[in-house]
Every structure is written in C-alpha cells, then in structure tokens.
Amino acid sequence: MTAKRAFWRTLNFLLGLFFALAVAQGVVRGLEAPLVVAAVLVLLAHVLELPAAFRAVAGRDRSEWVTMLMTLLFGFTWWVPVRRGIY
C-alpha cells in the first residue's frame, strides 16, 4: 500500500485540506481556535523534519526551495515517497 502513489497523494490532499480548514477557521473564529493551534503545531513539527527531508532527497533532482516548501506543507508524506522514488 505505501508503495502506491495514490496512498501518498491522498495523505497530501488530507493535509492540504486540514491546513485550508485551519485557515478558514482562523479567519472566522480567530487564531485561538483549536484547529488553528493544531495546524501551527503540525507546521512546527514539519520544521523539525527539514534536516531529515534534505538528507532524504539528497542526490535527487529537487531544489532546496521545493524541498523546504513541500516539507513544510506535507512533511514526511512528501519526502518519504521522494526518497523511495514514488514521486
């Protein structure tokens, strides 16, 4: 299952949906809304993943900016498939 591109794309879609809902809730309910706080915590966790992501995609045809942006948005659901050659 984890060798299939659809699995990772689904996880990325769900993370994107999560962040979109957090932004919408932040606009409507303010920055202290629980979903906004959760999104900030997820974003901080993704910041901590950056060194692992750069090691994982080393030698692949990915720019540093793409690696940084995609890791901040999607975390390991982006760099693990890149490392495995799925993306």
C-alpha atoms as a PDB file:
ATOM      1  CA  MET A   1       0.000   0.000   0.000  1.00  0.00           C
ATOM      2  CA  THR A   2       2.726   2.532   0.867  1.00  0.00           C
ATOM      3  CA  ALA A   3       4.400   1.816  -2.474  1.00  0.00           C
ATOM      4  CA  LYS A   4       1.450   3.323  -4.332  1.00  0.00           C
ATOM      5  CA  ARG A   5       1.414   6.940  -5.389  1.00  0.00           C
ATOM      6  CA  ALA A   6      -2.331   7.217  -4.675  1.00  0.00           C
ATOM      7  CA  PHE A   7      -1.724   6.461  -0.986  1.00  0.00           C
ATOM      8  CA  TRP A   8       0.741   9.345  -0.595  1.00  0.00           C
ATOM      9  CA  ARG A   9      -1.336  11.712  -2.746  1.00  0.00           C
ATOM     10  CA  THR A  10      -4.343  11.011  -0.530  1.00  0.00           C
ATOM     11  CA  LEU A  11      -2.335  11.839   2.584  1.00  0.00           C
ATOM     12  CA  ASN A  12      -1.084  15.048   0.950  1.00  0.00           C
ATOM     13  CA  PHE A  13      -4.623  16.006  -0.046  1.00  0.00           C
ATOM     14  CA  LEU A  14      -5.858  15.449   3.503  1.00  0.00           C
ATOM     15  CA  LEU A  15      -3.042  17.571   4.933  1.00  0.00           C
ATOM     16  CA  GLY A  16      -3.832  20.322   2.438  1.00  0.00           C
ATOM     17  CA  LEU A  17      -7.490  20.129   3.412  1.00  0.00           C
ATOM     18  CA  PHE A  18      -6.523  20.287   7.092  1.00  0.00           C
ATOM     19  CA  PHE A  19      -4.475  23.456   6.544  1.00  0.00           C
ATOM     20  CA  ALA A  20      -7.226  25.031   4.409  1.00  0.00           C
ATOM     21  CA  LEU A  21      -9.805  24.357   7.117  1.00  0.00           C
ATOM     22  CA  ALA A  22      -7.448  25.777   9.740  1.00  0.00           C
ATOM     23  CA  VAL A  23      -7.028  28.975   7.738  1.00  0.00           C
ATOM     24  CA  ALA A  24     -10.801  29.266   7.274  1.00  0.00           C
ATOM     25  CA  GLN A  25     -11.398  28.686  10.966  1.00  0.00           C
ATOM     26  CA  GLY A  26      -8.705  31.213  11.826  1.00  0.00           C
ATOM     27  CA  VAL A  27     -10.486  33.819   9.732  1.00  0.00           C
ATOM     28  CA  VAL A  28     -13.901  33.054  11.235  1.00  0.00           C
ATOM     29  CA  ARG A  29     -13.087  32.211  14.858  1.00  0.00           C
ATOM     30  CA  GLY A  30      -9.695  33.791  15.404  1.00  0.00           C
ATOM     31  CA  LEU A  31      -6.188  32.492  15.908  1.00  0.00           C
ATOM     32  CA  GLU A  32      -7.013  30.741  19.171  1.00  0.00           C
ATOM     33  CA  ALA A  33      -9.385  28.267  17.519  1.00  0.00           C
ATOM     34  CA  PRO A  34      -8.356  24.668  18.291  1.00  0.00           C
ATOM     35  CA  LEU A  35      -7.851  23.734  14.647  1.00  0.00           C
ATOM     36  CA  VAL A  36      -5.570  26.733  14.119  1.00  0.00           C
ATOM     37  CA  VAL A  37      -3.489  25.783  17.145  1.00  0.00           C
ATOM     38  CA  ALA A  38      -3.251  22.203  15.858  1.00  0.00           C
ATOM     39  CA  ALA A  39      -2.166  23.445  12.425  1.00  0.00           C
ATOM     40  CA  VAL A  40       0.571  25.580  13.982  1.00  0.00           C
ATOM     41  CA  LEU A  41       1.811  22.567  15.942  1.00  0.00           C
ATOM     42  CA  VAL A  42       1.847  20.439  12.782  1.00  0.00           C
ATOM     43  CA  LEU A  43       3.748  23.180  10.974  1.00  0.00           C
ATOM     44  CA  LEU A  44       6.307  23.290  13.787  1.00  0.00           C
ATOM     45  CA  ALA A  45       6.701  19.513  13.577  1.00  0.00           C
ATOM     46  CA  HIS A  46       7.327  19.871   9.848  1.00  0.00           C
ATOM     47  CA  VAL A  47      10.030  22.457  10.553  1.00  0.00           C
ATOM     48  CA  LEU A  48      11.767  19.838  12.689  1.00  0.00           C
ATOM     49  CA  GLU A  49      11.597  17.411   9.738  1.00  0.00           C
ATOM     50  CA  LEU A  50      13.601  19.673   7.429  1.00  0.00           C
ATOM     51  CA  PRO A  51      17.028  18.133   8.149  1.00  0.00           C
ATOM     52  CA  ALA A  52      15.657  14.631   7.544  1.00  0.00           C
ATOM     53  CA  ALA A  53      13.959  15.798   4.351  1.00  0.00           C
ATOM     54  CA  PHE A  54      17.150  17.336   2.974  1.00  0.00           C
ATOM     55  CA  ARG A  55      19.052  14.115   3.700  1.00  0.00           C
ATOM     56  CA  ALA A  56      16.272  12.012   2.148  1.00  0.00           C
ATOM     57  CA  VAL A  57      16.170  13.905  -1.147  1.00  0.00           C
ATOM     58  CA  ALA A  58      19.920  14.472  -1.476  1.00  0.00           C
ATOM     59  CA  GLY A  59      21.054  13.462  -4.944  1.00  0.00           C
ATOM     60  CA  ARG A  60      17.554  13.786  -6.387  1.00  0.00           C
ATOM     61  CA  ASP A  61      16.540  16.484  -8.837  1.00  0.00           C
ATOM     62  CA  ARG A  62      14.793  18.700  -6.250  1.00  0.00           C
ATOM     63  CA  SER A  63      15.674  22.303  -5.487  1.00  0.00           C
ATOM     64  CA  GLU A  64      16.213  23.360  -1.896  1.00  0.00           C
ATOM     65  CA  TRP A  65      13.201  25.681  -2.086  1.00  0.00           C
ATOM     66  CA  VAL A  66      10.896  22.933  -3.331  1.00  0.00           C
ATOM     67  CA  THR A  67      12.162  20.593  -0.631  1.00  0.00           C
ATOM     68  CA  MET A  68      11.616  23.227   2.039  1.00  0.00           C
ATOM     69  CA  LEU A  69       8.132  24.249   0.855  1.00  0.00           C
ATOM     70  CA  MET A  70       6.836  20.739   0.308  1.00  0.00           C
ATOM     71  CA  THR A  71       8.212  19.558   3.652  1.00  0.00           C
ATOM     72  CA  LEU A  72       6.623  22.481   5.480  1.00  0.00           C
ATOM     73  CA  LEU A  73       3.271  21.749   3.846  1.00  0.00           C
ATOM     74  CA  PHE A  74       3.260  17.958   3.741  1.00  0.00           C
ATOM     75  CA  GLY A  75       6.072  16.719   5.969  1.00  0.00           C
ATOM     76  CA  PHE A  76       7.100  13.098   5.665  1.00  0.00           C
ATOM     77  CA  THR A  77       4.158  12.385   3.357  1.00  0.00           C
ATOM     78  CA  TRP A  78       6.166  14.221   0.721  1.00  0.00           C
ATOM     79  CA  TRP A  79       9.809  13.373   1.350  1.00  0.00           C
ATOM     80  CA  VAL A  80       9.374   9.665   2.084  1.00  0.00           C
ATOM     81  CA  PRO A  81       7.857   8.947  -1.364  1.00  0.00           C
ATOM     82  CA  VAL A  82      10.527  11.128  -2.984  1.00  0.00           C
ATOM     83  CA  ARG A  83      13.225   9.108  -1.239  1.00  0.00           C
ATOM     84  CA  ARG A  84      11.573   5.877  -2.382  1.00  0.00           C
ATOM     85  CA  GLY A  85      11.284   7.104  -5.975  1.00  0.00           C
ATOM     86  CA  ILE A  86       7.475   7.168  -5.952  1.00  0.00           C
ATOM     87  CA  TYR A  87       7.365  10.904  -6.771  1.00  0.00           C
END
